[in-house]
Amino acid sequence: MAEQVRAIRTRRTILLSAAKVFEENGYQAATVAQILTEAGVTKGALYFHFRSKEDLAQGVLTEQDQQLAVPEHPVKVQEVVDSMMVHAYRLQTDPMVRAGVRLTMDQQAKGLDRSGPFLRWAEVGRTLLRRAQVQGELLPHVDLSETADVVVASFAGVQSMSQAVCDYRDLTGRVGALMRHVLPGVVVPSVLASLDLSEGRGAAVHARALERAERAERPAEGRSPADAR
């Protein structure tokens, strides 16, 4: 058990170090030697967990999607908004997410399959929009796949602009502005009026999701009746 825990920690250390190097240098310029130096591990330890620089990059790309589940909301379009707001907040606060986005948007990353995050986010969007459609929250003409793709592509552009202009400091505000422009063509007016698009929404939802995850990890005997709800 101790060896397993040590291996998990070593893998996490390597991924965090790779994320830092990739974010600072980009995929093409980053080297395994730089990642080894940053992680402070042996070459054997690194190659035990990752076969190559590409494998490391794919690990970082996958890690950015390992996000806390956004709490369910009676209004499913609000869940769409919350997913984007939480991701924006994590971009401001989580180095792994920033590195993953840097890799995803790096057009010079030759040989690296960068499609995964785009495809996964589009699938998340379609799923949430389908639930919203079932509840009558969307306008009749909405094409779920087309809308999901437009939202993901627009979100990627907003992220890129915010990073270039001010290192993501205004990202949550920009995401709110994006939603105010896109959603009127997608969502019925009564639902649109109920949505929370405020800049602090991402941080608040992230805190609730983190609290719920921490409660779920507590031993069952240590939970109070309120924790079980």
C-alpha atoms as a PDB file:
ATOM      1  CA  MET A   1       0.000   0.000   0.000  1.00  0.00           C
ATOM      2  CA  ALA A   2       2.810   2.421   0.877  1.00  0.00           C
ATOM      3  CA  GLU A   3       4.491   1.749  -2.476  1.00  0.00           C
ATOM      4  CA  GLN A   4       1.224   2.378  -4.296  1.00  0.00           C
ATOM      5  CA  VAL A   5       0.731   5.706  -2.519  1.00  0.00           C
ATOM      6  CA  ARG A   6       4.344   6.656  -3.298  1.00  0.00           C
ATOM      7  CA  ALA A   7       3.843   5.794  -6.978  1.00  0.00           C
ATOM      8  CA  ILE A   8       0.686   7.922  -7.151  1.00  0.00           C
ATOM      9  CA  ARG A   9       2.512  10.861  -5.580  1.00  0.00           C
ATOM     10  CA  THR A  10       5.476  10.472  -7.926  1.00  0.00           C
ATOM     11  CA  ARG A  11       3.195  10.407 -10.965  1.00  0.00           C
ATOM     12  CA  ARG A  12       1.417  13.528  -9.724  1.00  0.00           C
ATOM     13  CA  THR A  13       4.739  15.303  -9.138  1.00  0.00           C
ATOM     14  CA  ILE A  14       5.870  14.473 -12.658  1.00  0.00           C
ATOM     15  CA  LEU A  15       2.593  15.680 -14.175  1.00  0.00           C
ATOM     16  CA  LEU A  16       2.677  18.958 -12.242  1.00  0.00           C
ATOM     17  CA  SER A  17       6.281  19.515 -13.319  1.00  0.00           C
ATOM     18  CA  ALA A  18       5.436  18.715 -16.931  1.00  0.00           C
ATOM     19  CA  ALA A  19       2.507  21.128 -16.750  1.00  0.00           C
ATOM     20  CA  LYS A  20       4.808  23.911 -15.537  1.00  0.00           C
ATOM     21  CA  VAL A  21       7.371  23.263 -18.274  1.00  0.00           C
ATOM     22  CA  PHE A  22       4.756  22.984 -21.016  1.00  0.00           C
ATOM     23  CA  GLU A  23       3.021  26.187 -19.911  1.00  0.00           C
ATOM     24  CA  GLU A  24       6.268  28.139 -19.785  1.00  0.00           C
ATOM     25  CA  ASN A  25       7.867  26.792 -22.977  1.00  0.00           C
ATOM     26  CA  GLY A  26       5.157  25.294 -25.152  1.00  0.00           C
ATOM     27  CA  TYR A  27       5.143  21.702 -26.334  1.00  0.00           C
ATOM     28  CA  GLN A  28       7.741  21.969 -29.074  1.00  0.00           C
ATOM     29  CA  ALA A  29      10.432  23.675 -26.980  1.00  0.00           C
ATOM     30  CA  ALA A  30       9.846  21.672 -23.789  1.00  0.00           C
ATOM     31  CA  THR A  31      12.225  18.782 -23.128  1.00  0.00           C
ATOM     32  CA  VAL A  32      12.088  15.692 -20.976  1.00  0.00           C
ATOM     33  CA  ALA A  33      15.344  16.864 -19.348  1.00  0.00           C
ATOM     34  CA  GLN A  34      13.638  20.083 -18.191  1.00  0.00           C
ATOM     35  CA  ILE A  35      10.741  18.090 -16.758  1.00  0.00           C
ATOM     36  CA  LEU A  36      13.131  15.747 -14.936  1.00  0.00           C
ATOM     37  CA  THR A  37      14.944  18.711 -13.393  1.00  0.00           C
ATOM     38  CA  GLU A  38      11.674  20.354 -12.349  1.00  0.00           C
ATOM     39  CA  ALA A  39      10.282  17.125 -10.869  1.00  0.00           C
ATOM     40  CA  GLY A  40      13.501  16.058  -9.162  1.00  0.00           C
ATOM     41  CA  VAL A  41      13.016  12.408 -10.142  1.00  0.00           C
ATOM     42  CA  THR A  42      15.140   9.899 -12.008  1.00  0.00           C
ATOM     43  CA  LYS A  43      14.697   9.135 -15.685  1.00  0.00           C
ATOM     44  CA  GLY A  44      13.663   5.598 -14.713  1.00  0.00           C
ATOM     45  CA  ALA A  45      10.879   6.932 -12.458  1.00  0.00           C
ATOM     46  CA  LEU A  46       9.568   9.172 -15.209  1.00  0.00           C
ATOM     47  CA  TYR A  47       9.592   6.460 -17.866  1.00  0.00           C
ATOM     48  CA  PHE A  48       7.894   4.054 -15.474  1.00  0.00           C
ATOM     49  CA  HIS A  49       4.819   6.293 -15.638  1.00  0.00           C
ATOM     50  CA  PHE A  50       5.147   7.958 -19.062  1.00  0.00           C
ATOM     51  CA  ARG A  51       6.636   6.564 -22.272  1.00  0.00           C
ATOM     52  CA  SER A  52       7.523   9.861 -23.963  1.00  0.00           C
ATOM     53  CA  LYS A  53       7.081  13.623 -24.022  1.00  0.00           C
ATOM     54  CA  GLU A  54       3.889  13.111 -26.023  1.00  0.00           C
ATOM     55  CA  ASP A  55       2.601  10.721 -23.367  1.00  0.00           C
ATOM     56  CA  LEU A  56       3.349  13.349 -20.712  1.00  0.00           C
ATOM     57  CA  ALA A  57       1.488  15.983 -22.699  1.00  0.00           C
ATOM     58  CA  GLN A  58      -1.515  13.694 -23.121  1.00  0.00           C
ATOM     59  CA  GLY A  59      -1.450  13.146 -19.358  1.00  0.00           C
ATOM     60  CA  VAL A  60      -1.630  16.897 -18.776  1.00  0.00           C
ATOM     61  CA  LEU A  61      -4.411  17.254 -21.359  1.00  0.00           C
ATOM     62  CA  THR A  62      -6.406  14.527 -19.592  1.00  0.00           C
ATOM     63  CA  GLU A  63      -5.784  15.984 -16.125  1.00  0.00           C
ATOM     64  CA  GLN A  64      -7.385  19.302 -17.047  1.00  0.00           C
ATOM     65  CA  ASP A  65     -10.654  17.423 -17.520  1.00  0.00           C
ATOM     66  CA  GLN A  66     -10.480  15.774 -14.086  1.00  0.00           C
ATOM     67  CA  GLN A  67     -12.637  18.485 -12.641  1.00  0.00           C
ATOM     68  CA  LEU A  68     -15.046  18.415  -9.756  1.00  0.00           C
ATOM     69  CA  ALA A  69     -18.531  17.540 -10.869  1.00  0.00           C
ATOM     70  CA  VAL A  70     -20.633  20.692 -11.106  1.00  0.00           C
ATOM     71  CA  PRO A  71     -23.576  20.395  -8.688  1.00  0.00           C
ATOM     72  CA  GLU A  72     -26.888  19.637 -10.337  1.00  0.00           C
ATOM     73  CA  HIS A  73     -29.282  22.543 -10.806  1.00  0.00           C
ATOM     74  CA  PRO A  74     -33.030  22.456 -11.548  1.00  0.00           C
ATOM     75  CA  VAL A  75     -32.323  24.630 -14.605  1.00  0.00           C
ATOM     76  CA  LYS A  76     -30.044  22.643 -16.907  1.00  0.00           C
ATOM     77  CA  VAL A  77     -28.894  25.689 -18.862  1.00  0.00           C
ATOM     78  CA  GLN A  78     -27.538  26.992 -15.558  1.00  0.00           C
ATOM     79  CA  GLU A  79     -25.439  23.812 -15.397  1.00  0.00           C
ATOM     80  CA  VAL A  80     -24.034  24.683 -18.835  1.00  0.00           C
ATOM     81  CA  VAL A  81     -23.119  28.135 -17.553  1.00  0.00           C
ATOM     82  CA  ASP A  82     -21.720  26.725 -14.309  1.00  0.00           C
ATOM     83  CA  SER A  83     -19.488  24.257 -16.160  1.00  0.00           C
ATOM     84  CA  MET A  84     -17.949  27.100 -18.143  1.00  0.00           C
ATOM     85  CA  MET A  85     -17.661  29.424 -15.156  1.00  0.00           C
ATOM     86  CA  VAL A  86     -15.954  26.757 -13.038  1.00  0.00           C
ATOM     87  CA  HIS A  87     -13.515  25.990 -15.846  1.00  0.00           C
ATOM     88  CA  ALA A  88     -12.759  29.697 -16.163  1.00  0.00           C
ATOM     89  CA  TYR A  89     -12.144  29.928 -12.423  1.00  0.00           C
ATOM     90  CA  ARG A  90      -9.837  26.898 -12.547  1.00  0.00           C
ATOM     91  CA  LEU A  91      -7.905  28.518 -15.379  1.00  0.00           C
ATOM     92  CA  GLN A  92      -7.250  31.433 -13.053  1.00  0.00           C
ATOM     93  CA  THR A  93      -6.216  29.227 -10.116  1.00  0.00           C
ATOM     94  CA  ASP A  94      -5.005  25.785 -11.277  1.00  0.00           C
ATOM     95  CA  PRO A  95      -1.607  25.423 -13.046  1.00  0.00           C
ATOM     96  CA  MET A  96      -2.560  22.019 -14.446  1.00  0.00           C
ATOM     97  CA  VAL A  97      -5.623  23.439 -16.170  1.00  0.00           C
ATOM     98  CA  ARG A  98      -3.623  26.376 -17.570  1.00  0.00           C
ATOM     99  CA  ALA A  99      -1.004  23.997 -18.960  1.00  0.00           C
ATOM    100  CA  GLY A 100      -3.679  21.774 -20.484  1.00  0.00           C
ATOM    101  CA  VAL A 101      -5.275  24.725 -22.216  1.00  0.00           C
ATOM    102  CA  ARG A 102      -1.859  25.953 -23.420  1.00  0.00           C
ATOM    103  CA  LEU A 103      -1.269  22.550 -25.012  1.00  0.00           C
ATOM    104  CA  THR A 104      -4.785  22.384 -26.452  1.00  0.00           C
ATOM    105  CA  MET A 105      -4.361  25.767 -28.149  1.00  0.00           C
ATOM    106  CA  ASP A 106      -0.722  25.231 -29.224  1.00  0.00           C
ATOM    107  CA  GLN A 107      -0.821  24.997 -33.020  1.00  0.00           C
ATOM    108  CA  GLN A 108       2.939  24.422 -33.071  1.00  0.00           C
ATOM    109  CA  ALA A 109       2.592  21.179 -31.102  1.00  0.00           C
ATOM    110  CA  LYS A 110       3.420  18.921 -34.022  1.00  0.00           C
ATOM    111  CA  GLY A 111       2.610  15.269 -33.519  1.00  0.00           C
ATOM    112  CA  LEU A 112       0.399  15.914 -30.493  1.00  0.00           C
ATOM    113  CA  ASP A 113      -3.290  15.045 -30.764  1.00  0.00           C
ATOM    114  CA  ARG A 114      -4.976  18.142 -29.327  1.00  0.00           C
ATOM    115  CA  SER A 115      -8.533  17.168 -30.284  1.00  0.00           C
ATOM    116  CA  GLY A 116      -9.423  15.389 -27.032  1.00  0.00           C
ATOM    117  CA  PRO A 117     -10.374  18.378 -24.847  1.00  0.00           C
ATOM    118  CA  PHE A 118     -12.447  19.963 -27.632  1.00  0.00           C
ATOM    119  CA  LEU A 119     -14.331  16.726 -28.280  1.00  0.00           C
ATOM    120  CA  ARG A 120     -14.898  16.025 -24.577  1.00  0.00           C
ATOM    121  CA  TRP A 121     -16.183  19.538 -23.886  1.00  0.00           C
ATOM    122  CA  ALA A 122     -18.514  19.345 -26.902  1.00  0.00           C
ATOM    123  CA  GLU A 123     -19.904  16.030 -25.595  1.00  0.00           C
ATOM    124  CA  VAL A 124     -20.467  17.544 -22.146  1.00  0.00           C
ATOM    125  CA  GLY A 125     -22.276  20.437 -23.812  1.00  0.00           C
ATOM    126  CA  ARG A 126     -24.493  18.178 -25.895  1.00  0.00           C
ATOM    127  CA  THR A 127     -25.428  16.113 -22.848  1.00  0.00           C
ATOM    128  CA  LEU A 128     -26.413  19.152 -20.784  1.00  0.00           C
ATOM    129  CA  LEU A 129     -28.237  20.789 -23.687  1.00  0.00           C
ATOM    130  CA  ARG A 130     -30.162  17.565 -24.316  1.00  0.00           C
ATOM    131  CA  ARG A 131     -31.376  17.610 -20.708  1.00  0.00           C
ATOM    132  CA  ALA A 132     -32.286  21.267 -21.072  1.00  0.00           C
ATOM    133  CA  GLN A 133     -34.209  20.482 -24.240  1.00  0.00           C
ATOM    134  CA  VAL A 134     -36.191  17.747 -22.485  1.00  0.00           C
ATOM    135  CA  GLN A 135     -37.184  20.276 -19.816  1.00  0.00           C
ATOM    136  CA  GLY A 136     -38.350  22.773 -22.429  1.00  0.00           C
ATOM    137  CA  GLU A 137     -35.585  25.289 -21.733  1.00  0.00           C
ATOM    138  CA  LEU A 138     -34.398  25.654 -25.346  1.00  0.00           C
ATOM    139  CA  LEU A 139     -35.938  27.350 -28.353  1.00  0.00           C
ATOM    140  CA  PRO A 140     -37.509  24.946 -30.904  1.00  0.00           C
ATOM    141  CA  HIS A 141     -34.929  25.503 -33.662  1.00  0.00           C
ATOM    142  CA  VAL A 142     -31.826  24.618 -31.593  1.00  0.00           C
ATOM    143  CA  ASP A 143     -29.472  22.004 -33.044  1.00  0.00           C
ATOM    144  CA  LEU A 144     -27.722  20.456 -30.036  1.00  0.00           C
ATOM    145  CA  SER A 145     -24.470  19.433 -31.748  1.00  0.00           C
ATOM    146  CA  GLU A 146     -24.111  22.692 -33.629  1.00  0.00           C
ATOM    147  CA  THR A 147     -24.792  24.755 -30.511  1.00  0.00           C
ATOM    148  CA  ALA A 148     -22.356  22.746 -28.394  1.00  0.00           C
ATOM    149  CA  ASP A 149     -19.613  23.166 -31.004  1.00  0.00           C
ATOM    150  CA  VAL A 150     -20.224  26.924 -31.297  1.00  0.00           C
ATOM    151  CA  VAL A 151     -20.125  27.372 -27.507  1.00  0.00           C
ATOM    152  CA  VAL A 152     -16.901  25.354 -27.132  1.00  0.00           C
ATOM    153  CA  ALA A 153     -15.195  27.164 -30.005  1.00  0.00           C
ATOM    154  CA  SER A 154     -16.278  30.564 -28.706  1.00  0.00           C
ATOM    155  CA  PHE A 155     -15.161  29.690 -25.193  1.00  0.00           C
ATOM    156  CA  ALA A 156     -11.738  28.679 -26.543  1.00  0.00           C
ATOM    157  CA  GLY A 157     -11.425  32.027 -28.293  1.00  0.00           C
ATOM    158  CA  VAL A 158     -12.429  33.951 -25.185  1.00  0.00           C
ATOM    159  CA  GLN A 159      -9.850  32.021 -23.151  1.00  0.00           C
ATOM    160  CA  SER A 160      -7.139  32.764 -25.690  1.00  0.00           C
ATOM    161  CA  MET A 161      -7.950  36.483 -25.770  1.00  0.00           C
ATOM    162  CA  SER A 162      -8.065  36.769 -21.980  1.00  0.00           C
ATOM    163  CA  GLN A 163      -4.723  34.970 -21.631  1.00  0.00           C
ATOM    164  CA  ALA A 164      -3.061  37.273 -24.164  1.00  0.00           C
ATOM    165  CA  VAL A 165      -4.539  40.475 -22.729  1.00  0.00           C
ATOM    166  CA  CYS A 166      -4.231  39.959 -18.972  1.00  0.00           C
ATOM    167  CA  ASP A 167      -3.222  36.370 -18.096  1.00  0.00           C
ATOM    168  CA  TYR A 168      -6.853  35.285 -17.485  1.00  0.00           C
ATOM    169  CA  ARG A 169      -7.606  37.928 -14.851  1.00  0.00           C
ATOM    170  CA  ASP A 170     -10.779  39.064 -16.648  1.00  0.00           C
ATOM    171  CA  LEU A 171     -11.818  35.624 -17.910  1.00  0.00           C
ATOM    172  CA  THR A 172     -14.917  35.125 -15.751  1.00  0.00           C
ATOM    173  CA  GLY A 173     -16.261  38.486 -16.873  1.00  0.00           C
ATOM    174  CA  ARG A 174     -15.593  37.626 -20.504  1.00  0.00           C
ATOM    175  CA  VAL A 175     -17.378  34.279 -20.142  1.00  0.00           C
ATOM    176  CA  GLY A 176     -20.421  36.067 -18.731  1.00  0.00           C
ATOM    177  CA  ALA A 177     -20.386  38.455 -21.696  1.00  0.00           C
ATOM    178  CA  LEU A 178     -20.123  35.508 -24.102  1.00  0.00           C
ATOM    179  CA  MET A 179     -23.143  33.856 -22.523  1.00  0.00           C
ATOM    180  CA  ARG A 180     -25.167  37.072 -22.649  1.00  0.00           C
ATOM    181  CA  HIS A 181     -24.538  37.214 -26.408  1.00  0.00           C
ATOM    182  CA  VAL A 182     -25.010  33.538 -27.271  1.00  0.00           C
ATOM    183  CA  LEU A 183     -27.819  32.316 -25.017  1.00  0.00           C
ATOM    184  CA  PRO A 184     -30.655  34.604 -26.264  1.00  0.00           C
ATOM    185  CA  GLY A 185     -30.536  32.707 -29.561  1.00  0.00           C
ATOM    186  CA  VAL A 186     -30.738  29.361 -27.774  1.00  0.00           C
ATOM    187  CA  VAL A 187     -32.734  29.647 -24.529  1.00  0.00           C
ATOM    188  CA  VAL A 188     -36.391  30.510 -23.931  1.00  0.00           C
ATOM    189  CA  PRO A 189     -36.791  34.003 -22.410  1.00  0.00           C
ATOM    190  CA  SER A 190     -38.208  32.872 -19.066  1.00  0.00           C
ATOM    191  CA  VAL A 191     -35.205  30.602 -18.438  1.00  0.00           C
ATOM    192  CA  LEU A 192     -32.769  33.203 -19.709  1.00  0.00           C
ATOM    193  CA  ALA A 193     -34.032  35.699 -17.147  1.00  0.00           C
ATOM    194  CA  SER A 194     -33.357  33.263 -14.295  1.00  0.00           C
ATOM    195  CA  LEU A 195     -29.683  32.566 -15.062  1.00  0.00           C
ATOM    196  CA  ASP A 196     -26.825  33.673 -12.820  1.00  0.00           C
ATOM    197  CA  LEU A 197     -24.029  34.943 -15.094  1.00  0.00           C
ATOM    198  CA  SER A 198     -22.179  36.905 -12.417  1.00  0.00           C
ATOM    199  CA  GLU A 199     -18.376  36.974 -12.295  1.00  0.00           C
ATOM    200  CA  GLY A 200     -18.289  35.272  -8.892  1.00  0.00           C
ATOM    201  CA  ARG A 201     -20.421  32.329 -10.012  1.00  0.00           C
ATOM    202  CA  GLY A 202     -17.483  30.071 -10.918  1.00  0.00           C
ATOM    203  CA  ALA A 203     -15.720  30.477  -7.566  1.00  0.00           C
ATOM    204  CA  ALA A 204     -18.942  29.917  -5.630  1.00  0.00           C
ATOM    205  CA  VAL A 205     -19.923  26.765  -7.541  1.00  0.00           C
ATOM    206  CA  HIS A 206     -16.359  25.433  -7.329  1.00  0.00           C
ATOM    207  CA  ALA A 207     -16.388  25.888  -3.542  1.00  0.00           C
ATOM    208  CA  ARG A 208     -19.682  24.006  -3.232  1.00  0.00           C
ATOM    209  CA  ALA A 209     -18.438  21.185  -5.440  1.00  0.00           C
ATOM    210  CA  LEU A 210     -15.214  20.922  -3.447  1.00  0.00           C
ATOM    211  CA  GLU A 211     -17.118  20.819  -0.163  1.00  0.00           C
ATOM    212  CA  ARG A 212     -19.392  18.074  -1.490  1.00  0.00           C
ATOM    213  CA  ALA A 213     -16.426  16.032  -2.725  1.00  0.00           C
ATOM    214  CA  GLU A 214     -14.686  16.351   0.644  1.00  0.00           C
ATOM    215  CA  ARG A 215     -17.841  15.189   2.456  1.00  0.00           C
ATOM    216  CA  ALA A 216     -18.079  12.176   0.163  1.00  0.00           C
ATOM    217  CA  GLU A 217     -14.501  11.170   1.021  1.00  0.00           C
ATOM    218  CA  ARG A 218     -15.068  11.157   4.777  1.00  0.00           C
ATOM    219  CA  PRO A 219     -15.467   7.771   6.467  1.00  0.00           C
ATOM    220  CA  ALA A 220     -19.144   6.895   6.728  1.00  0.00           C
ATOM    221  CA  GLU A 221     -19.031   6.730  10.535  1.00  0.00           C
ATOM    222  CA  GLY A 222     -17.742  10.278  10.689  1.00  0.00           C
ATOM    223  CA  ARG A 223     -20.585  11.798   8.728  1.00  0.00           C
ATOM    224  CA  SER A 224     -23.437  13.709  10.211  1.00  0.00           C
ATOM    225  CA  PRO A 225     -27.006  13.286   8.896  1.00  0.00           C
ATOM    226  CA  ALA A 226     -26.587  16.587   7.044  1.00  0.00           C
ATOM    227  CA  ASP A 227     -23.513  15.247   5.216  1.00  0.00           C
ATOM    228  CA  ALA A 228     -25.517  12.384   3.771  1.00  0.00           C
ATOM    229  CA  ARG A 229     -27.925  14.716   1.998  1.00  0.00           C
END
